[in-house]
Amino acid sequence: MIKFKIQKGKNEEPIFKIRIKDKELVNYPFLKRAIIEAKEIKGRYNYQVPLRYFVPLVNNINKESLCIDKDSKLEFFEFWDDFEEKYYASLTATPKFM
């Protein structure tokens, strides 16, 4: 079972954490790219994954294998800046992104 959580970080930025075992990496080879770019952390979750991998992971993993933490944030906003060509994410809509 793959467990994930989105929690509030500094400046209202969402942090995407995932707990996965080595045997599940064999079942889902597309997870390797996300794990390569992830930061390994200690605690309940193994990795802090960049938020851009959230949607592809949720869409490509069986729903029976996914588990959302009960303390997870259930929504966030994502913005694309055409000038800087960069993604921004926030848990609340602020004037900074408008």
PDB file of N, CA and C in Angstrom:
ATOM      1  N   MET A   1       0.835  -1.174   0.000  1.00  0.00           N
ATOM      2  CA  MET A   1       0.000   0.000   0.000  1.00  0.00           C
ATOM      3  C   MET A   1       0.886   1.246   0.000  1.00  0.00           C
ATOM      4  N   ILE A   2       0.527   2.193  -0.798  1.00  0.00           N
ATOM      5  CA  ILE A   2       1.243   3.460  -0.916  1.00  0.00           C
ATOM      6  C   ILE A   2       0.428   4.519  -0.193  1.00  0.00           C
ATOM      7  N   LYS A   3       1.045   5.152   0.785  1.00  0.00           N
ATOM      8  CA  LYS A   3       0.344   6.159   1.571  1.00  0.00           C
ATOM      9  C   LYS A   3       0.948   7.513   1.260  1.00  0.00           C
ATOM     10  N   PHE A   4       0.103   8.530   1.097  1.00  0.00           N
ATOM     11  CA  PHE A   4       0.625   9.859   0.833  1.00  0.00           C
ATOM     12  C   PHE A   4      -0.123  10.906   1.632  1.00  0.00           C
ATOM     13  N   LYS A   5       0.534  12.056   1.744  1.00  0.00           N
ATOM     14  CA  LYS A   5      -0.002  13.153   2.545  1.00  0.00           C
ATOM     15  C   LYS A   5       0.444  14.467   1.935  1.00  0.00           C
ATOM     16  N   ILE A   6      -0.467  15.431   1.920  1.00  0.00           N
ATOM     17  CA  ILE A   6      -0.126  16.800   1.545  1.00  0.00           C
ATOM     18  C   ILE A   6      -0.314  17.637   2.795  1.00  0.00           C
ATOM     19  N   GLN A   7       0.765  18.262   3.240  1.00  0.00           N
ATOM     20  CA  GLN A   7       0.686  19.078   4.444  1.00  0.00           C
ATOM     21  C   GLN A   7       1.162  20.488   4.166  1.00  0.00           C
ATOM     22  N   LYS A   8       0.839  21.379   5.082  1.00  0.00           N
ATOM     23  CA  LYS A   8       1.190  22.786   4.922  1.00  0.00           C
ATOM     24  C   LYS A   8       2.634  22.998   5.353  1.00  0.00           C
ATOM     25  N   GLY A   9       3.402  23.648   4.488  1.00  0.00           N
ATOM     26  CA  GLY A   9       4.769  23.993   4.799  1.00  0.00           C
ATOM     27  C   GLY A   9       4.895  25.486   5.041  1.00  0.00           C
ATOM     28  N   LYS A  10       6.080  25.999   4.862  1.00  0.00           N
ATOM     29  CA  LYS A  10       6.307  27.432   5.018  1.00  0.00           C
ATOM     30  C   LYS A  10       5.556  28.204   3.941  1.00  0.00           C
ATOM     31  N   ASN A  11       5.084  29.374   4.286  1.00  0.00           N
ATOM     32  CA  ASN A  11       4.417  30.279   3.341  1.00  0.00           C
ATOM     33  C   ASN A  11       3.219  29.644   2.645  1.00  0.00           C
ATOM     34  N   GLU A  12       2.494  28.792   3.352  1.00  0.00           N
ATOM     35  CA  GLU A  12       1.288  28.156   2.803  1.00  0.00           C
ATOM     36  C   GLU A  12       1.578  27.273   1.587  1.00  0.00           C
ATOM     37  N   GLU A  13       2.790  26.788   1.442  1.00  0.00           N
ATOM     38  CA  GLU A  13       3.131  25.918   0.322  1.00  0.00           C
ATOM     39  C   GLU A  13       2.837  24.467   0.687  1.00  0.00           C
ATOM     40  N   PRO A  14       2.234  23.704  -0.206  1.00  0.00           N
ATOM     41  CA  PRO A  14       1.968  22.294   0.084  1.00  0.00           C
ATOM     42  C   PRO A  14       3.233  21.450  -0.044  1.00  0.00           C
ATOM     43  N   ILE A  15       3.344  20.474   0.822  1.00  0.00           N
ATOM     44  CA  ILE A  15       4.453  19.524   0.804  1.00  0.00           C
ATOM     45  C   ILE A  15       3.852  18.143   0.575  1.00  0.00           C
ATOM     46  N   PHE A  16       4.339  17.443  -0.442  1.00  0.00           N
ATOM     47  CA  PHE A  16       3.828  16.128  -0.823  1.00  0.00           C
ATOM     48  C   PHE A  16       4.776  15.070  -0.282  1.00  0.00           C
ATOM     49  N   LYS A  17       4.272  14.259   0.655  1.00  0.00           N
ATOM     50  CA  LYS A  17       5.069  13.192   1.248  1.00  0.00           C
ATOM     51  C   LYS A  17       4.455  11.855   0.870  1.00  0.00           C
ATOM     52  N   ILE A  18       5.324  10.861   0.714  1.00  0.00           N
ATOM     53  CA  ILE A  18       4.859   9.541   0.294  1.00  0.00           C
ATOM     54  C   ILE A  18       5.602   8.468   1.088  1.00  0.00           C
ATOM     55  N   ARG A  19       4.875   7.408   1.428  1.00  0.00           N
ATOM     56  CA  ARG A  19       5.483   6.241   2.066  1.00  0.00           C
ATOM     57  C   ARG A  19       5.306   5.070   1.121  1.00  0.00           C
ATOM     58  N   ILE A  20       6.425   4.474   0.754  1.00  0.00           N
ATOM     59  CA  ILE A  20       6.402   3.365  -0.200  1.00  0.00           C
ATOM     60  C   ILE A  20       7.476   2.361   0.184  1.00  0.00           C
ATOM     61  N   LYS A  21       7.190   1.103  -0.020  1.00  0.00           N
ATOM     62  CA  LYS A  21       8.146   0.042   0.268  1.00  0.00           C
ATOM     63  C   LYS A  21       8.865  -0.337  -1.022  1.00  0.00           C
ATOM     64  N   ASP A  22      10.018  -0.992  -0.871  1.00  0.00           N
ATOM     65  CA  ASP A  22      10.823  -1.364  -2.036  1.00  0.00           C
ATOM     66  C   ASP A  22      10.087  -2.322  -2.970  1.00  0.00           C
ATOM     67  N   LYS A  23       9.276  -3.207  -2.423  1.00  0.00           N
ATOM     68  CA  LYS A  23       8.566  -4.165  -3.288  1.00  0.00           C
ATOM     69  C   LYS A  23       7.527  -3.471  -4.165  1.00  0.00           C
ATOM     70  N   GLU A  24       7.004  -2.335  -3.721  1.00  0.00           N
ATOM     71  CA  GLU A  24       6.041  -1.594  -4.532  1.00  0.00           C
ATOM     72  C   GLU A  24       6.730  -0.835  -5.661  1.00  0.00           C
ATOM     73  N   LEU A  25       8.001  -0.501  -5.484  1.00  0.00           N
ATOM     74  CA  LEU A  25       8.750   0.126  -6.576  1.00  0.00           C
ATOM     75  C   LEU A  25       8.901  -0.833  -7.748  1.00  0.00           C
ATOM     76  N   VAL A  26       8.975  -2.124  -7.472  1.00  0.00           N
ATOM     77  CA  VAL A  26       9.071  -3.123  -8.536  1.00  0.00           C
ATOM     78  C   VAL A  26       7.749  -3.200  -9.300  1.00  0.00           C
ATOM     79  N   ASN A  27       6.631  -3.085  -8.586  1.00  0.00           N
ATOM     80  CA  ASN A  27       5.314  -3.164  -9.229  1.00  0.00           C
ATOM     81  C   ASN A  27       4.995  -1.931 -10.063  1.00  0.00           C
ATOM     82  N   TYR A  28       5.511  -0.781  -9.663  1.00  0.00           N
ATOM     83  CA  TYR A  28       5.242   0.480 -10.360  1.00  0.00           C
ATOM     84  C   TYR A  28       6.568   1.120 -10.789  1.00  0.00           C
ATOM     85  N   PRO A  29       7.111   0.727 -11.935  1.00  0.00           N
ATOM     86  CA  PRO A  29       8.422   1.251 -12.344  1.00  0.00           C
ATOM     87  C   PRO A  29       8.424   2.750 -12.634  1.00  0.00           C
ATOM     88  N   PHE A  30       7.280   3.354 -12.945  1.00  0.00           N
ATOM     89  CA  PHE A  30       7.240   4.791 -13.213  1.00  0.00           C
ATOM     90  C   PHE A  30       7.463   5.612 -11.942  1.00  0.00           C
ATOM     91  N   LEU A  31       7.393   4.994 -10.782  1.00  0.00           N
ATOM     92  CA  LEU A  31       7.660   5.698  -9.524  1.00  0.00           C
ATOM     93  C   LEU A  31       9.143   6.019  -9.341  1.00  0.00           C
ATOM     94  N   LYS A  32       9.999   5.321 -10.070  1.00  0.00           N
ATOM     95  CA  LYS A  32      11.439   5.519  -9.890  1.00  0.00           C
ATOM     96  C   LYS A  32      11.860   6.947 -10.204  1.00  0.00           C
ATOM     97  N   ARG A  33      11.271   7.542 -11.205  1.00  0.00           N
ATOM     98  CA  ARG A  33      11.616   8.930 -11.570  1.00  0.00           C
ATOM     99  C   ARG A  33      11.256   9.889 -10.442  1.00  0.00           C
ATOM    100  N   ALA A  34      10.100   9.703  -9.850  1.00  0.00           N
ATOM    101  CA  ALA A  34       9.689  10.556  -8.734  1.00  0.00           C
ATOM    102  C   ALA A  34      10.593  10.346  -7.524  1.00  0.00           C
ATOM    103  N   ILE A  35      11.003   9.115  -7.280  1.00  0.00           N
ATOM    104  CA  ILE A  35      11.866   8.817  -6.137  1.00  0.00           C
ATOM    105  C   ILE A  35      13.268   9.373  -6.356  1.00  0.00           C
ATOM    106  N   ILE A  36      13.739   9.378  -7.599  1.00  0.00           N
ATOM    107  CA  ILE A  36      15.065   9.935  -7.892  1.00  0.00           C
ATOM    108  C   ILE A  36      15.106  11.417  -7.550  1.00  0.00           C
ATOM    109  N   GLU A  37      14.045  12.147  -7.868  1.00  0.00           N
ATOM    110  CA  GLU A  37      14.009  13.583  -7.592  1.00  0.00           C
ATOM    111  C   GLU A  37      13.528  13.909  -6.182  1.00  0.00           C
ATOM    112  N   ALA A  38      13.066  12.901  -5.451  1.00  0.00           N
ATOM    113  CA  ALA A  38      12.546  13.121  -4.102  1.00  0.00           C
ATOM    114  C   ALA A  38      13.684  13.265  -3.096  1.00  0.00           C
ATOM    115  N   LYS A  39      13.328  13.852  -1.963  1.00  0.00           N
ATOM    116  CA  LYS A  39      14.266  13.979  -0.854  1.00  0.00           C
ATOM    117  C   LYS A  39      13.878  12.944   0.191  1.00  0.00           C
ATOM    118  N   GLU A  40      14.842  12.116   0.597  1.00  0.00           N
ATOM    119  CA  GLU A  40      14.556  11.095   1.598  1.00  0.00           C
ATOM    120  C   GLU A  40      14.458  11.750   2.970  1.00  0.00           C
ATOM    121  N   ILE A  41      13.410  11.392   3.713  1.00  0.00           N
ATOM    122  CA  ILE A  41      13.181  11.979   5.032  1.00  0.00           C
ATOM    123  C   ILE A  41      12.974  10.868   6.054  1.00  0.00           C
ATOM    124  N   LYS A  42      13.082  11.236   7.319  1.00  0.00           N
ATOM    125  CA  LYS A  42      12.848  10.282   8.402  1.00  0.00           C
ATOM    126  C   LYS A  42      11.446  10.489   8.938  1.00  0.00           C
ATOM    127  N   GLY A  43      10.911   9.461   9.538  1.00  0.00           N
ATOM    128  CA  GLY A  43       9.585   9.561  10.117  1.00  0.00           C
ATOM    129  C   GLY A  43       8.624   8.582   9.483  1.00  0.00           C
ATOM    130  N   ARG A  44       7.361   8.918   9.519  1.00  0.00           N
ATOM    131  CA  ARG A  44       6.316   8.041   9.001  1.00  0.00           C
ATOM    132  C   ARG A  44       6.399   7.895   7.489  1.00  0.00           C
ATOM    133  N   TYR A  45       6.850   8.916   6.806  1.00  0.00           N
ATOM    134  CA  TYR A  45       6.931   8.906   5.345  1.00  0.00           C
ATOM    135  C   TYR A  45       8.384   8.827   4.910  1.00  0.00           C
ATOM    136  N   ASN A  46       8.639   8.097   3.828  1.00  0.00           N
ATOM    137  CA  ASN A  46      10.002   7.876   3.347  1.00  0.00           C
ATOM    138  C   ASN A  46      10.546   9.046   2.542  1.00  0.00           C
ATOM    139  N   TYR A  47       9.697   9.658   1.717  1.00  0.00           N
ATOM    140  CA  TYR A  47      10.168  10.631   0.742  1.00  0.00           C
ATOM    141  C   TYR A  47       9.300  11.880   0.723  1.00  0.00           C
ATOM    142  N   GLN A  48       9.952  12.985   0.411  1.00  0.00           N
ATOM    143  CA  GLN A  48       9.254  14.237   0.113  1.00  0.00           C
ATOM    144  C   GLN A  48       9.411  14.458  -1.386  1.00  0.00           C
ATOM    145  N   VAL A  49       8.327  14.263  -2.111  1.00  0.00           N
ATOM    146  CA  VAL A  49       8.336  14.247  -3.572  1.00  0.00           C
ATOM    147  C   VAL A  49       7.906  15.615  -4.098  1.00  0.00           C
ATOM    148  N   PRO A  50       8.507  16.088  -5.205  1.00  0.00           N
ATOM    149  CA  PRO A  50       8.022  17.338  -5.815  1.00  0.00           C
ATOM    150  C   PRO A  50       6.545  17.219  -6.185  1.00  0.00           C
ATOM    151  N   LEU A  51       5.830  18.293  -5.999  1.00  0.00           N
ATOM    152  CA  LEU A  51       4.376  18.297  -6.166  1.00  0.00           C
ATOM    153  C   LEU A  51       3.941  18.025  -7.606  1.00  0.00           C
ATOM    154  N   ARG A  52       4.806  18.251  -8.573  1.00  0.00           N
ATOM    155  CA  ARG A  52       4.413  18.023  -9.969  1.00  0.00           C
ATOM    156  C   ARG A  52       4.173  16.539 -10.272  1.00  0.00           C
ATOM    157  N   TYR A  53       4.620  15.649  -9.396  1.00  0.00           N
ATOM    158  CA  TYR A  53       4.389  14.218  -9.587  1.00  0.00           C
ATOM    159  C   TYR A  53       3.095  13.737  -8.940  1.00  0.00           C
ATOM    160  N   PHE A  54       2.382  14.602  -8.257  1.00  0.00           N
ATOM    161  CA  PHE A  54       1.173  14.187  -7.544  1.00  0.00           C
ATOM    162  C   PHE A  54       0.105  13.641  -8.492  1.00  0.00           C
ATOM    163  N   VAL A  55      -0.264  14.397  -9.491  1.00  0.00           N
ATOM    164  CA  VAL A  55      -1.339  13.980 -10.405  1.00  0.00           C
ATOM    165  C   VAL A  55      -0.955  12.731 -11.201  1.00  0.00           C
ATOM    166  N   PRO A  56       0.244  12.637 -11.791  1.00  0.00           N
ATOM    167  CA  PRO A  56       0.586  11.396 -12.503  1.00  0.00           C
ATOM    168  C   PRO A  56       0.597  10.163 -11.598  1.00  0.00           C
ATOM    169  N   LEU A  57       1.044  10.322 -10.357  1.00  0.00           N
ATOM    170  CA  LEU A  57       1.060   9.176  -9.451  1.00  0.00           C
ATOM    171  C   LEU A  57      -0.357   8.722  -9.108  1.00  0.00           C
ATOM    172  N   VAL A  58      -1.226   9.654  -8.803  1.00  0.00           N
ATOM    173  CA  VAL A  58      -2.599   9.295  -8.439  1.00  0.00           C
ATOM    174  C   VAL A  58      -3.335   8.686  -9.629  1.00  0.00           C
ATOM    175  N   ASN A  59      -3.088   9.175 -10.825  1.00  0.00           N
ATOM    176  CA  ASN A  59      -3.778   8.656 -12.010  1.00  0.00           C
ATOM    177  C   ASN A  59      -3.286   7.278 -12.440  1.00  0.00           C
ATOM    178  N   ASN A  60      -2.027   6.942 -12.163  1.00  0.00           N
ATOM    179  CA  ASN A  60      -1.449   5.704 -12.681  1.00  0.00           C
ATOM    180  C   ASN A  60      -1.349   4.569 -11.670  1.00  0.00           C
ATOM    181  N   ILE A  61      -1.648   4.819 -10.416  1.00  0.00           N
ATOM    182  CA  ILE A  61      -1.594   3.773  -9.396  1.00  0.00           C
ATOM    183  C   ILE A  61      -3.014   3.284  -9.135  1.00  0.00           C
ATOM    184  N   ASN A  62      -3.152   1.985  -8.940  1.00  0.00           N
ATOM    185  CA  ASN A  62      -4.469   1.413  -8.632  1.00  0.00           C
ATOM    186  C   ASN A  62      -5.051   2.081  -7.396  1.00  0.00           C
ATOM    187  N   LYS A  63      -6.327   2.369  -7.440  1.00  0.00           N
ATOM    188  CA  LYS A  63      -6.987   3.051  -6.318  1.00  0.00           C
ATOM    189  C   LYS A  63      -6.987   2.190  -5.056  1.00  0.00           C
ATOM    190  N   GLU A  64      -6.952   0.870  -5.206  1.00  0.00           N
ATOM    191  CA  GLU A  64      -6.898  -0.011  -4.043  1.00  0.00           C
ATOM    192  C   GLU A  64      -5.551   0.070  -3.338  1.00  0.00           C
ATOM    193  N   SER A  65      -4.509   0.473  -4.062  1.00  0.00           N
ATOM    194  CA  SER A  65      -3.166   0.556  -3.496  1.00  0.00           C
ATOM    195  C   SER A  65      -2.862   1.907  -2.875  1.00  0.00           C
ATOM    196  N   LEU A  66      -3.731   2.890  -3.080  1.00  0.00           N
ATOM    197  CA  LEU A  66      -3.501   4.232  -2.542  1.00  0.00           C
ATOM    198  C   LEU A  66      -4.217   4.424  -1.217  1.00  0.00           C
ATOM    199  N   CYS A  67      -3.578   5.178  -0.337  1.00  0.00           N
ATOM    200  CA  CYS A  67      -4.186   5.512   0.943  1.00  0.00           C
ATOM    201  C   CYS A  67      -3.822   6.960   1.263  1.00  0.00           C
ATOM    202  N   ILE A  68      -4.837   7.781   1.532  1.00  0.00           N
ATOM    203  CA  ILE A  68      -4.619   9.181   1.880  1.00  0.00           C
ATOM    204  C   ILE A  68      -4.604   9.296   3.397  1.00  0.00           C
ATOM    205  N   ASP A  69      -3.623   9.997   3.931  1.00  0.00           N
ATOM    206  CA  ASP A  69      -3.538  10.211   5.370  1.00  0.00           C
ATOM    207  C   ASP A  69      -4.745  11.015   5.846  1.00  0.00           C
ATOM    208  N   LYS A  70      -5.235  10.708   7.031  1.00  0.00           N
ATOM    209  CA  LYS A  70      -6.432  11.399   7.532  1.00  0.00           C
ATOM    210  C   LYS A  70      -6.167  12.864   7.852  1.00  0.00           C
ATOM    211  N   ASP A  71      -4.908  13.249   8.088  1.00  0.00           N
ATOM    212  CA  ASP A  71      -4.556  14.641   8.378  1.00  0.00           C
ATOM    213  C   ASP A  71      -4.112  15.407   7.142  1.00  0.00           C
ATOM    214  N   SER A  72      -4.243  14.806   5.982  1.00  0.00           N
ATOM    215  CA  SER A  72      -3.788  15.425   4.741  1.00  0.00           C
ATOM    216  C   SER A  72      -4.700  16.572   4.323  1.00  0.00           C
ATOM    217  N   LYS A  73      -4.101  17.583   3.690  1.00  0.00           N
ATOM    218  CA  LYS A  73      -4.891  18.642   3.060  1.00  0.00           C
ATOM    219  C   LYS A  73      -5.499  18.053   1.795  1.00  0.00           C
ATOM    220  N   LEU A  74      -6.740  18.354   1.546  1.00  0.00           N
ATOM    221  CA  LEU A  74      -7.440  17.728   0.430  1.00  0.00           C
ATOM    222  C   LEU A  74      -7.477  18.585  -0.823  1.00  0.00           C
ATOM    223  N   GLU A  75      -7.020  19.832  -0.740  1.00  0.00           N
ATOM    224  CA  GLU A  75      -7.040  20.692  -1.923  1.00  0.00           C
ATOM    225  C   GLU A  75      -5.883  21.684  -1.861  1.00  0.00           C
ATOM    226  N   PHE A  76      -5.433  22.070  -3.048  1.00  0.00           N
ATOM    227  CA  PHE A  76      -4.403  23.100  -3.177  1.00  0.00           C
ATOM    228  C   PHE A  76      -4.560  23.747  -4.542  1.00  0.00           C
ATOM    229  N   PHE A  77      -3.969  24.918  -4.686  1.00  0.00           N
ATOM    230  CA  PHE A  77      -4.019  25.663  -5.946  1.00  0.00           C
ATOM    231  C   PHE A  77      -2.665  25.564  -6.626  1.00  0.00           C
ATOM    232  N   GLU A  78      -2.699  25.428  -7.947  1.00  0.00           N
ATOM    233  CA  GLU A  78      -1.466  25.377  -8.717  1.00  0.00           C
ATOM    234  C   GLU A  78      -1.542  26.446  -9.799  1.00  0.00           C
ATOM    235  N   PHE A  79      -0.470  27.198  -9.944  1.00  0.00           N
ATOM    236  CA  PHE A  79      -0.415  28.289 -10.905  1.00  0.00           C
ATOM    237  C   PHE A  79       0.766  28.082 -11.837  1.00  0.00           C
ATOM    238  N   TRP A  80       0.600  28.510 -13.080  1.00  0.00           N
ATOM    239  CA  TRP A  80       1.661  28.447 -14.075  1.00  0.00           C
ATOM    240  C   TRP A  80       1.993  29.863 -14.490  1.00  0.00           C
ATOM    241  N   ASP A  81       3.264  30.223 -14.401  1.00  0.00           N
ATOM    242  CA  ASP A  81       3.719  31.543 -14.801  1.00  0.00           C
ATOM    243  C   ASP A  81       4.313  31.430 -16.201  1.00  0.00           C
ATOM    244  N   ASP A  82       3.678  32.068 -17.187  1.00  0.00           N
ATOM    245  CA  ASP A  82       4.153  31.985 -18.569  1.00  0.00           C
ATOM    246  C   ASP A  82       5.487  32.687 -18.765  1.00  0.00           C
ATOM    247  N   PHE A  83       5.701  33.770 -18.052  1.00  0.00           N
ATOM    248  CA  PHE A  83       6.923  34.539 -18.230  1.00  0.00           C
ATOM    249  C   PHE A  83       8.140  33.789 -17.685  1.00  0.00           C
ATOM    250  N   GLU A  84       8.039  33.280 -16.466  1.00  0.00           N
ATOM    251  CA  GLU A  84       9.163  32.568 -15.852  1.00  0.00           C
ATOM    252  C   GLU A  84       9.155  31.075 -16.166  1.00  0.00           C
ATOM    253  N   GLU A  85       8.058  30.591 -16.751  1.00  0.00           N
ATOM    254  CA  GLU A  85       7.888  29.174 -17.063  1.00  0.00           C
ATOM    255  C   GLU A  85       8.138  28.308 -15.830  1.00  0.00           C
ATOM    256  N   LYS A  86       7.356  28.572 -14.805  1.00  0.00           N
ATOM    257  CA  LYS A  86       7.539  27.897 -13.534  1.00  0.00           C
ATOM    258  C   LYS A  86       6.178  27.643 -12.890  1.00  0.00           C
ATOM    259  N   TYR A  87       6.054  26.513 -12.193  1.00  0.00           N
ATOM    260  CA  TYR A  87       4.839  26.186 -11.452  1.00  0.00           C
ATOM    261  C   TYR A  87       4.942  26.721 -10.034  1.00  0.00           C
ATOM    262  N   TYR A  88       3.822  27.204  -9.531  1.00  0.00           N
ATOM    263  CA  TYR A  88       3.711  27.622  -8.143  1.00  0.00           C
ATOM    264  C   TYR A  88       2.503  26.922  -7.544  1.00  0.00           C
ATOM    265  N   ALA A  89       2.586  26.574  -6.280  1.00  0.00           N
ATOM    266  CA  ALA A  89       1.461  25.936  -5.605  1.00  0.00           C
ATOM    267  C   ALA A  89       1.256  26.592  -4.251  1.00  0.00           C
ATOM    268  N   SER A  90       0.004  26.653  -3.832  1.00  0.00           N
ATOM    269  CA  SER A  90      -0.341  27.259  -2.554  1.00  0.00           C
ATOM    270  C   SER A  90      -1.605  26.592  -2.022  1.00  0.00           C
ATOM    271  N   LEU A  91      -1.739  26.604  -0.706  1.00  0.00           N
ATOM    272  CA  LEU A  91      -2.946  26.049  -0.098  1.00  0.00           C
ATOM    273  C   LEU A  91      -4.074  27.061  -0.043  1.00  0.00           C
ATOM    274  N   THR A  92      -3.742  28.349  -0.123  1.00  0.00           N
ATOM    275  CA  THR A  92      -4.761  29.397  -0.125  1.00  0.00           C
ATOM    276  C   THR A  92      -4.487  30.347  -1.279  1.00  0.00           C
ATOM    277  N   ALA A  93      -5.529  30.960  -1.790  1.00  0.00           N
ATOM    278  CA  ALA A  93      -5.372  31.939  -2.865  1.00  0.00           C
ATOM    279  C   ALA A  93      -4.958  33.269  -2.242  1.00  0.00           C
ATOM    280  N   THR A  94      -3.797  33.747  -2.627  1.00  0.00           N
ATOM    281  CA  THR A  94      -3.275  35.004  -2.102  1.00  0.00           C
ATOM    282  C   THR A  94      -3.031  35.969  -3.250  1.00  0.00           C
ATOM    283  N   PRO A  95      -2.917  37.258  -2.973  1.00  0.00           N
ATOM    284  CA  PRO A  95      -2.642  38.227  -4.039  1.00  0.00           C
ATOM    285  C   PRO A  95      -1.289  38.017  -4.715  1.00  0.00           C
ATOM    286  N   LYS A  96      -0.400  37.305  -4.060  1.00  0.00           N
ATOM    287  CA  LYS A  96       0.928  37.056  -4.621  1.00  0.00           C
ATOM    288  C   LYS A  96       0.851  36.324  -5.967  1.00  0.00           C
ATOM    289  N   PHE A  97      -0.116  35.455  -6.124  1.00  0.00           N
ATOM    290  CA  PHE A  97      -0.229  34.648  -7.331  1.00  0.00           C
ATOM    291  C   PHE A  97      -1.228  35.197  -8.341  1.00  0.00           C
ATOM    292  N   MET A  98      -1.900  36.278  -8.035  1.00  0.00           N
ATOM    293  CA  MET A  98      -2.924  36.816  -8.932  1.00  0.00           C
ATOM    294  C   MET A  98      -2.347  37.794  -9.922  1.00  0.00           C
TER     295      MET A  98
END
